[in-house]
């Protein structure tokens, strides 16, 4: 089901979305579904009612929901897909801590209508795909820690 501005959705606990439970499974989903995004929020039901994100710094409403792409970029080459999705999750895992555990990650499809202040895609015509279990975030953090030169999450 595609959601557009003005349409309301069921509460999150009523959304019958599958849950991704491992980095491997998330990688497989990215391979199968193509242009997939991850969003950290209170969930699709609330987001679909809001239909747009607001720039935290200025308070300006943006033309869609902010999300981050999960599709692999060509410059990644033949590096492991597991590491790619780990990095994409890890880059924003601080949001859960910064917002007192009030947000969680979920995947979606959508149509890009612009870019936010951090150059993140802004999406409309949102189609929720899956929840991402919080254990996958722990797995992503462990994967990053195993790298020769680990990086820190983005904080903007």
N, C-alpha and C. Protein backbone atom coordinates (compact mmCIF):
# COMPACT_ATOMS: atom_id res chain seq x y z
N UNK A 1 0.84 -1.16 0.00
CA UNK A 1 0.00 0.00 0.00
C UNK A 1 0.89 1.24 0.00
N UNK A 2 0.61 2.19 -0.86
CA UNK A 2 1.34 3.45 -0.93
C UNK A 2 0.60 4.48 -0.09
N UNK A 3 1.35 5.25 0.68
CA UNK A 3 0.75 6.29 1.51
C UNK A 3 1.18 7.64 0.96
N UNK A 4 0.24 8.55 0.85
CA UNK A 4 0.55 9.90 0.40
C UNK A 4 0.03 10.89 1.42
N UNK A 5 0.31 12.15 1.22
CA UNK A 5 -0.11 13.19 2.16
C UNK A 5 -1.59 13.09 2.44
N UNK A 6 -1.94 13.25 3.72
CA UNK A 6 -3.34 13.28 4.10
C UNK A 6 -3.94 11.92 4.42
N UNK A 7 -3.29 10.84 4.13
CA UNK A 7 -3.83 9.53 4.44
C UNK A 7 -3.32 9.10 5.81
N UNK A 8 -4.17 8.53 6.60
CA UNK A 8 -3.72 8.05 7.90
C UNK A 8 -3.49 6.55 7.83
N UNK A 9 -2.72 6.07 8.77
CA UNK A 9 -2.37 4.65 8.81
C UNK A 9 -2.77 4.09 10.16
N UNK A 10 -2.72 2.76 10.26
CA UNK A 10 -3.00 2.08 11.52
C UNK A 10 -1.88 2.35 12.51
N UNK A 11 -2.16 2.23 13.82
CA UNK A 11 -1.06 2.36 14.79
C UNK A 11 0.04 1.35 14.47
N UNK A 12 1.26 1.69 14.88
CA UNK A 12 2.41 0.85 14.55
C UNK A 12 2.24 -0.60 14.97
N UNK A 13 1.61 -0.85 16.11
CA UNK A 13 1.48 -2.23 16.55
C UNK A 13 0.49 -2.99 15.69
N UNK A 14 -0.28 -2.30 14.86
CA UNK A 14 -1.21 -2.96 13.96
C UNK A 14 -0.63 -3.17 12.57
N UNK A 15 0.52 -2.54 12.28
CA UNK A 15 1.14 -2.72 10.98
C UNK A 15 1.72 -4.12 10.89
N UNK A 16 1.32 -4.86 9.91
CA UNK A 16 1.79 -6.24 9.74
C UNK A 16 3.05 -6.25 8.89
N UNK A 17 4.11 -5.67 9.43
CA UNK A 17 5.38 -5.63 8.71
C UNK A 17 6.27 -6.75 9.23
N UNK A 18 7.02 -7.38 8.34
CA UNK A 18 8.01 -8.36 8.82
C UNK A 18 9.14 -7.63 9.56
N UNK A 19 9.90 -8.37 10.33
CA UNK A 19 11.03 -7.80 11.06
C UNK A 19 12.31 -8.43 10.56
N UNK A 20 13.27 -7.59 10.15
CA UNK A 20 14.60 -8.06 9.75
C UNK A 20 15.37 -8.32 11.04
N UNK A 21 15.96 -9.52 11.15
CA UNK A 21 16.58 -9.92 12.41
C UNK A 21 18.10 -10.11 12.34
N UNK A 22 18.72 -9.85 11.16
CA UNK A 22 20.18 -9.98 11.05
C UNK A 22 20.69 -9.09 9.93
N UNK A 23 21.98 -8.76 9.99
CA UNK A 23 22.61 -8.00 8.91
C UNK A 23 22.52 -8.77 7.60
N UNK A 24 22.72 -10.08 7.68
CA UNK A 24 22.62 -10.91 6.47
C UNK A 24 21.24 -10.75 5.82
N UNK A 25 20.19 -10.85 6.65
CA UNK A 25 18.83 -10.72 6.11
C UNK A 25 18.57 -9.33 5.55
N UNK A 26 19.12 -8.31 6.19
CA UNK A 26 18.96 -6.95 5.66
C UNK A 26 19.67 -6.83 4.31
N UNK A 27 20.86 -7.39 4.20
CA UNK A 27 21.57 -7.39 2.92
C UNK A 27 20.77 -8.09 1.83
N UNK A 28 20.18 -9.22 2.16
CA UNK A 28 19.36 -9.95 1.19
C UNK A 28 18.14 -9.13 0.77
N UNK A 29 17.55 -8.43 1.72
CA UNK A 29 16.41 -7.56 1.40
C UNK A 29 16.82 -6.44 0.45
N UNK A 30 17.98 -5.85 0.71
CA UNK A 30 18.49 -4.79 -0.16
C UNK A 30 18.73 -5.35 -1.57
N UNK A 31 19.30 -6.55 -1.67
CA UNK A 31 19.53 -7.16 -3.00
C UNK A 31 18.21 -7.39 -3.73
N UNK A 32 17.19 -7.86 -3.02
CA UNK A 32 15.90 -8.18 -3.64
C UNK A 32 15.08 -6.94 -3.98
N UNK A 33 15.12 -5.93 -3.11
CA UNK A 33 14.18 -4.82 -3.23
C UNK A 33 14.73 -3.58 -3.90
N UNK A 34 16.04 -3.54 -4.18
CA UNK A 34 16.60 -2.38 -4.88
C UNK A 34 16.64 -1.13 -4.04
N UNK A 35 15.99 -0.07 -4.52
CA UNK A 35 16.09 1.23 -3.85
C UNK A 35 15.28 1.24 -2.55
N UNK A 36 15.95 0.83 -1.52
CA UNK A 36 15.37 0.73 -0.19
C UNK A 36 16.02 1.78 0.70
N UNK A 37 15.27 2.29 1.65
CA UNK A 37 15.76 3.31 2.57
C UNK A 37 15.56 2.84 4.00
N UNK A 38 16.32 3.43 4.91
CA UNK A 38 16.11 3.21 6.34
C UNK A 38 15.74 4.54 6.96
N UNK A 39 14.79 4.49 7.89
CA UNK A 39 14.35 5.67 8.61
C UNK A 39 14.35 5.35 10.09
N UNK A 40 14.84 6.28 10.89
CA UNK A 40 14.82 6.17 12.34
C UNK A 40 13.72 7.08 12.85
N UNK A 41 12.66 6.49 13.41
CA UNK A 41 11.55 7.30 13.89
C UNK A 41 10.71 6.48 14.86
N UNK A 42 9.57 7.04 15.23
CA UNK A 42 8.65 6.31 16.10
C UNK A 42 7.86 5.25 15.33
N UNK A 43 7.99 5.24 14.02
CA UNK A 43 7.37 4.20 13.22
C UNK A 43 6.54 4.74 12.07
N UNK A 44 6.23 3.85 11.14
CA UNK A 44 5.51 4.25 9.93
C UNK A 44 4.15 4.90 10.19
N UNK A 45 3.39 4.40 11.14
CA UNK A 45 2.05 4.95 11.34
C UNK A 45 2.11 6.43 11.70
N UNK A 46 2.98 6.78 12.62
CA UNK A 46 3.12 8.20 12.97
C UNK A 46 3.68 9.01 11.82
N UNK A 47 4.68 8.46 11.14
CA UNK A 47 5.30 9.19 10.03
C UNK A 47 4.33 9.41 8.88
N UNK A 48 3.51 8.43 8.60
CA UNK A 48 2.59 8.56 7.48
C UNK A 48 1.48 9.57 7.78
N UNK A 49 1.20 9.77 9.04
CA UNK A 49 0.25 10.83 9.41
C UNK A 49 0.90 12.20 9.25
N UNK A 50 2.20 12.29 9.56
CA UNK A 50 2.92 13.57 9.47
C UNK A 50 3.27 13.91 8.03
N UNK A 51 3.68 12.95 7.26
CA UNK A 51 4.04 13.03 5.84
C UNK A 51 5.26 13.88 5.51
N UNK A 52 5.87 14.55 6.49
CA UNK A 52 7.05 15.36 6.21
C UNK A 52 7.90 15.49 7.46
N UNK A 53 9.17 15.68 7.23
CA UNK A 53 10.10 15.93 8.33
C UNK A 53 10.27 17.43 8.51
N UNK A 54 10.80 17.80 9.65
CA UNK A 54 11.08 19.20 9.96
C UNK A 54 12.57 19.32 10.25
N UNK A 55 13.20 20.33 9.68
CA UNK A 55 14.62 20.58 9.95
C UNK A 55 14.76 20.94 11.43
N UNK A 56 15.53 20.13 12.16
CA UNK A 56 15.69 20.32 13.60
C UNK A 56 16.28 21.68 13.96
N UNK A 57 17.21 22.16 13.19
CA UNK A 57 17.90 23.41 13.51
C UNK A 57 17.01 24.64 13.30
N UNK A 58 16.30 24.68 12.17
CA UNK A 58 15.53 25.88 11.82
C UNK A 58 14.03 25.75 12.08
N UNK A 59 13.53 24.50 12.21
CA UNK A 59 12.10 24.29 12.37
C UNK A 59 11.33 24.36 11.07
N UNK A 60 12.02 24.45 9.95
CA UNK A 60 11.35 24.56 8.64
C UNK A 60 10.86 23.18 8.20
N UNK A 61 9.57 23.08 7.81
CA UNK A 61 9.06 21.81 7.28
C UNK A 61 9.70 21.52 5.92
N UNK A 62 10.03 20.26 5.70
CA UNK A 62 10.62 19.85 4.43
C UNK A 62 9.56 19.13 3.60
N UNK A 63 9.78 18.96 2.30
CA UNK A 63 8.72 18.42 1.43
C UNK A 63 8.52 16.91 1.50
N UNK A 64 9.17 16.20 2.41
CA UNK A 64 9.00 14.76 2.53
C UNK A 64 9.64 14.27 3.81
N UNK A 65 9.65 12.96 3.99
CA UNK A 65 10.27 12.34 5.16
C UNK A 65 11.75 12.10 4.88
N UNK A 66 12.60 12.41 5.85
CA UNK A 66 14.02 12.15 5.66
C UNK A 66 14.30 10.67 5.91
N UNK A 67 15.17 10.11 5.10
CA UNK A 67 15.57 8.70 5.20
C UNK A 67 16.96 8.57 4.61
N UNK A 68 17.56 7.42 4.79
CA UNK A 68 18.89 7.18 4.24
C UNK A 68 18.87 5.97 3.34
N UNK A 69 19.51 6.08 2.18
CA UNK A 69 19.49 4.97 1.22
C UNK A 69 20.30 3.77 1.71
N UNK A 70 19.78 2.59 1.41
CA UNK A 70 20.49 1.36 1.73
C UNK A 70 21.12 0.72 0.50
N UNK A 71 20.71 1.14 -0.70
CA UNK A 71 21.27 0.52 -1.91
C UNK A 71 22.77 0.78 -1.99
N UNK A 72 23.47 -0.22 -2.47
CA UNK A 72 24.93 -0.17 -2.53
C UNK A 72 25.37 0.73 -3.68
N UNK A 73 26.32 1.60 -3.39
CA UNK A 73 26.89 2.48 -4.41
C UNK A 73 27.96 1.72 -5.20
N UNK A 74 28.14 2.07 -6.46
CA UNK A 74 29.11 1.36 -7.31
C UNK A 74 30.53 1.47 -6.79
N UNK A 75 30.88 2.58 -6.14
CA UNK A 75 32.24 2.74 -5.64
C UNK A 75 32.57 1.75 -4.53
N UNK A 76 31.56 1.11 -3.93
CA UNK A 76 31.77 0.12 -2.88
C UNK A 76 32.46 -1.12 -3.45
N UNK A 77 32.32 -1.32 -4.77
CA UNK A 77 32.98 -2.44 -5.42
C UNK A 77 32.50 -3.78 -4.92
N UNK A 78 33.44 -4.71 -4.72
CA UNK A 78 33.07 -6.06 -4.30
C UNK A 78 33.22 -6.26 -2.79
N UNK A 79 33.25 -5.17 -2.05
CA UNK A 79 33.33 -5.28 -0.60
C UNK A 79 32.05 -5.94 -0.07
N UNK A 80 32.09 -6.49 1.13
CA UNK A 80 30.93 -7.23 1.65
C UNK A 80 29.67 -6.38 1.82
N UNK A 81 28.57 -6.92 1.36
CA UNK A 81 27.27 -6.27 1.52
C UNK A 81 26.94 -6.14 3.02
N UNK A 82 27.33 -7.13 3.80
CA UNK A 82 27.11 -7.10 5.25
C UNK A 82 27.73 -5.83 5.86
N UNK A 83 28.94 -5.49 5.45
CA UNK A 83 29.60 -4.31 5.98
C UNK A 83 28.90 -3.03 5.50
N UNK A 84 28.44 -3.03 4.24
CA UNK A 84 27.73 -1.86 3.72
C UNK A 84 26.48 -1.56 4.57
N UNK A 85 25.64 -2.58 4.78
CA UNK A 85 24.41 -2.32 5.52
C UNK A 85 24.72 -2.01 6.99
N UNK A 86 25.80 -2.61 7.52
CA UNK A 86 26.21 -2.29 8.89
C UNK A 86 26.56 -0.81 8.99
N UNK A 87 27.31 -0.35 8.03
CA UNK A 87 27.70 1.06 8.05
C UNK A 87 26.48 1.97 7.91
N UNK A 88 25.57 1.65 7.03
CA UNK A 88 24.40 2.50 6.82
C UNK A 88 23.56 2.58 8.09
N UNK A 89 23.48 1.50 8.85
CA UNK A 89 22.76 1.53 10.12
C UNK A 89 23.56 2.27 11.19
N UNK A 90 24.84 1.99 11.23
CA UNK A 90 25.70 2.55 12.26
C UNK A 90 25.80 4.07 12.17
N UNK A 91 25.77 4.60 10.97
CA UNK A 91 25.91 6.04 10.78
C UNK A 91 24.88 6.85 11.57
N UNK A 92 23.71 6.28 11.80
CA UNK A 92 22.66 7.02 12.49
C UNK A 92 22.16 6.33 13.76
N UNK A 93 22.89 5.32 14.24
CA UNK A 93 22.43 4.61 15.44
C UNK A 93 22.39 5.51 16.67
N UNK A 94 23.12 6.62 16.65
CA UNK A 94 23.09 7.55 17.78
C UNK A 94 21.70 8.17 17.99
N UNK A 95 20.87 8.15 16.95
CA UNK A 95 19.55 8.77 17.08
C UNK A 95 18.72 8.10 18.18
N UNK A 96 18.86 6.80 18.31
CA UNK A 96 18.11 6.10 19.35
C UNK A 96 18.53 6.59 20.74
N UNK A 97 19.82 6.71 20.94
CA UNK A 97 20.32 7.20 22.24
C UNK A 97 19.96 8.67 22.45
N UNK A 98 20.14 9.47 21.41
CA UNK A 98 19.87 10.91 21.52
C UNK A 98 18.40 11.21 21.79
N UNK A 99 17.53 10.32 21.38
CA UNK A 99 16.08 10.54 21.55
C UNK A 99 15.50 9.61 22.61
N UNK A 100 16.31 9.27 23.58
CA UNK A 100 15.87 8.48 24.75
C UNK A 100 15.20 7.16 24.37
N UNK A 101 15.70 6.51 23.33
CA UNK A 101 15.16 5.21 22.93
C UNK A 101 13.78 5.28 22.30
N UNK A 102 13.35 6.49 21.94
CA UNK A 102 11.99 6.68 21.44
C UNK A 102 11.87 6.46 19.93
N UNK A 103 12.96 6.11 19.27
CA UNK A 103 12.91 5.84 17.83
C UNK A 103 13.49 4.47 17.55
N UNK A 104 13.10 3.90 16.42
CA UNK A 104 13.65 2.63 15.98
C UNK A 104 13.74 2.63 14.46
N UNK A 105 14.59 1.78 13.90
CA UNK A 105 14.77 1.78 12.45
C UNK A 105 13.73 0.91 11.74
N UNK A 106 13.35 1.36 10.55
CA UNK A 106 12.47 0.58 9.69
C UNK A 106 12.83 0.89 8.25
N UNK A 107 12.51 -0.03 7.35
CA UNK A 107 12.84 0.16 5.94
C UNK A 107 11.60 0.55 5.16
N UNK A 108 11.85 1.24 4.05
CA UNK A 108 10.75 1.74 3.24
C UNK A 108 11.20 1.98 1.81
N UNK A 109 10.22 2.07 0.94
CA UNK A 109 10.41 2.58 -0.42
C UNK A 109 9.74 3.93 -0.45
N UNK A 110 10.16 4.77 -1.36
CA UNK A 110 9.54 6.08 -1.52
C UNK A 110 10.07 6.77 -2.75
N UNK A 111 9.46 7.89 -3.07
CA UNK A 111 9.88 8.70 -4.22
C UNK A 111 10.63 9.91 -3.69
N UNK A 112 11.86 10.09 -4.17
CA UNK A 112 12.67 11.23 -3.74
C UNK A 112 12.11 12.52 -4.33
N UNK A 113 11.91 13.52 -3.44
CA UNK A 113 11.39 14.82 -3.88
C UNK A 113 12.33 15.96 -3.52
N UNK A 114 13.44 15.65 -2.89
CA UNK A 114 14.39 16.68 -2.52
C UNK A 114 15.46 16.11 -1.62
N UNK A 115 16.25 17.03 -1.06
CA UNK A 115 17.33 16.67 -0.14
C UNK A 115 17.21 17.53 1.10
N UNK A 116 17.51 16.92 2.25
CA UNK A 116 17.48 17.63 3.51
C UNK A 116 18.79 18.34 3.77
N UNK A 117 18.93 18.99 4.91
CA UNK A 117 20.12 19.78 5.22
C UNK A 117 21.40 18.95 5.35
N UNK A 118 21.29 17.64 5.59
CA UNK A 118 22.46 16.76 5.62
C UNK A 118 22.60 15.99 4.30
N UNK A 119 21.94 16.49 3.27
CA UNK A 119 21.93 15.89 1.94
C UNK A 119 21.22 14.53 1.92
N UNK A 120 20.40 14.26 2.93
CA UNK A 120 19.65 13.01 2.95
C UNK A 120 18.43 13.13 2.03
N UNK A 121 18.03 12.02 1.40
CA UNK A 121 16.84 12.05 0.56
C UNK A 121 15.59 12.38 1.37
N UNK A 122 14.70 13.14 0.77
CA UNK A 122 13.38 13.41 1.33
C UNK A 122 12.39 12.66 0.46
N UNK A 123 11.52 11.86 1.08
CA UNK A 123 10.67 10.93 0.35
C UNK A 123 9.19 11.22 0.55
N UNK A 124 8.42 10.97 -0.51
CA UNK A 124 6.96 10.93 -0.43
C UNK A 124 6.54 9.58 -1.02
N UNK A 125 5.25 9.34 -1.09
CA UNK A 125 4.71 8.07 -1.59
C UNK A 125 5.37 6.89 -0.86
N UNK A 126 5.36 6.97 0.45
CA UNK A 126 6.05 6.02 1.31
C UNK A 126 5.35 4.65 1.31
N UNK A 127 6.16 3.61 1.18
CA UNK A 127 5.68 2.24 1.32
C UNK A 127 6.53 1.56 2.39
N UNK A 128 5.99 1.36 3.61
CA UNK A 128 6.76 0.65 4.63
C UNK A 128 7.05 -0.78 4.18
N UNK A 129 8.26 -1.26 4.47
CA UNK A 129 8.68 -2.61 4.05
C UNK A 129 8.90 -3.51 5.26
N UNK A 130 9.69 -3.06 6.24
CA UNK A 130 9.98 -3.92 7.39
C UNK A 130 10.48 -3.11 8.57
N UNK A 131 10.35 -3.70 9.74
CA UNK A 131 11.03 -3.21 10.93
C UNK A 131 12.44 -3.77 10.91
N UNK A 132 13.37 -3.12 11.59
CA UNK A 132 14.71 -3.68 11.79
C UNK A 132 14.85 -3.92 13.29
N UNK A 133 15.04 -5.16 13.66
CA UNK A 133 15.18 -5.53 15.07
C UNK A 133 16.39 -4.81 15.66
N UNK A 134 16.29 -4.39 16.89
CA UNK A 134 17.39 -3.67 17.53
C UNK A 134 18.64 -4.53 17.68
N UNK A 135 18.48 -5.85 17.68
CA UNK A 135 19.64 -6.74 17.72
C UNK A 135 20.51 -6.56 16.48
N UNK A 136 19.91 -6.15 15.37
CA UNK A 136 20.66 -5.90 14.13
C UNK A 136 21.57 -4.69 14.32
N UNK A 137 21.14 -3.73 15.11
CA UNK A 137 21.97 -2.55 15.39
C UNK A 137 23.19 -2.98 16.21
N UNK A 138 22.97 -3.84 17.18
CA UNK A 138 24.10 -4.39 17.96
C UNK A 138 25.07 -5.12 17.03
N UNK A 139 24.52 -5.88 16.11
CA UNK A 139 25.34 -6.61 15.14
C UNK A 139 26.13 -5.64 14.25
N UNK A 140 25.49 -4.54 13.84
CA UNK A 140 26.16 -3.53 13.02
C UNK A 140 27.30 -2.88 13.79
N UNK A 141 27.05 -2.55 15.05
CA UNK A 141 28.09 -1.94 15.87
C UNK A 141 29.28 -2.88 16.04
N UNK A 142 29.01 -4.17 16.22
CA UNK A 142 30.09 -5.15 16.35
C UNK A 142 30.87 -5.29 15.04
N UNK A 143 30.16 -5.26 13.92
CA UNK A 143 30.81 -5.36 12.61
C UNK A 143 31.74 -4.17 12.39
N UNK A 144 31.29 -2.99 12.73
CA UNK A 144 32.11 -1.79 12.58
C UNK A 144 33.33 -1.87 13.50
N UNK A 145 33.14 -2.32 14.72
CA UNK A 145 34.25 -2.42 15.68
C UNK A 145 35.33 -3.38 15.20
N UNK A 146 34.97 -4.37 14.39
CA UNK A 146 35.95 -5.33 13.87
C UNK A 146 36.82 -4.76 12.74
N UNK A 147 36.46 -3.62 12.22
CA UNK A 147 37.21 -3.05 11.10
C UNK A 147 38.55 -2.51 11.59
N UNK A 148 39.50 -2.47 10.69
CA UNK A 148 40.85 -2.04 11.04
C UNK A 148 40.87 -0.62 11.60
N UNK A 149 40.14 0.26 10.97
CA UNK A 149 40.03 1.65 11.45
C UNK A 149 38.56 1.97 11.63
N UNK A 150 37.97 1.62 12.77
CA UNK A 150 36.53 1.87 12.94
C UNK A 150 36.21 3.36 12.90
N UNK A 151 35.01 3.64 12.48
CA UNK A 151 34.56 5.03 12.37
C UNK A 151 33.46 5.25 13.41
N UNK A 152 33.16 6.48 13.67
CA UNK A 152 32.12 6.82 14.63
C UNK A 152 30.84 7.18 13.93
N UNK A 153 29.70 7.12 14.65
CA UNK A 153 28.44 7.49 14.02
C UNK A 153 28.43 8.98 13.68
N UNK A 154 27.63 9.32 12.68
CA UNK A 154 27.49 10.72 12.29
C UNK A 154 26.74 11.46 13.37
N UNK A 155 27.16 12.64 13.69
CA UNK A 155 26.45 13.50 14.66
C UNK A 155 26.38 14.89 14.08
N UNK A 156 25.20 15.24 13.63
CA UNK A 156 25.02 16.57 13.04
C UNK A 156 23.88 17.27 13.70
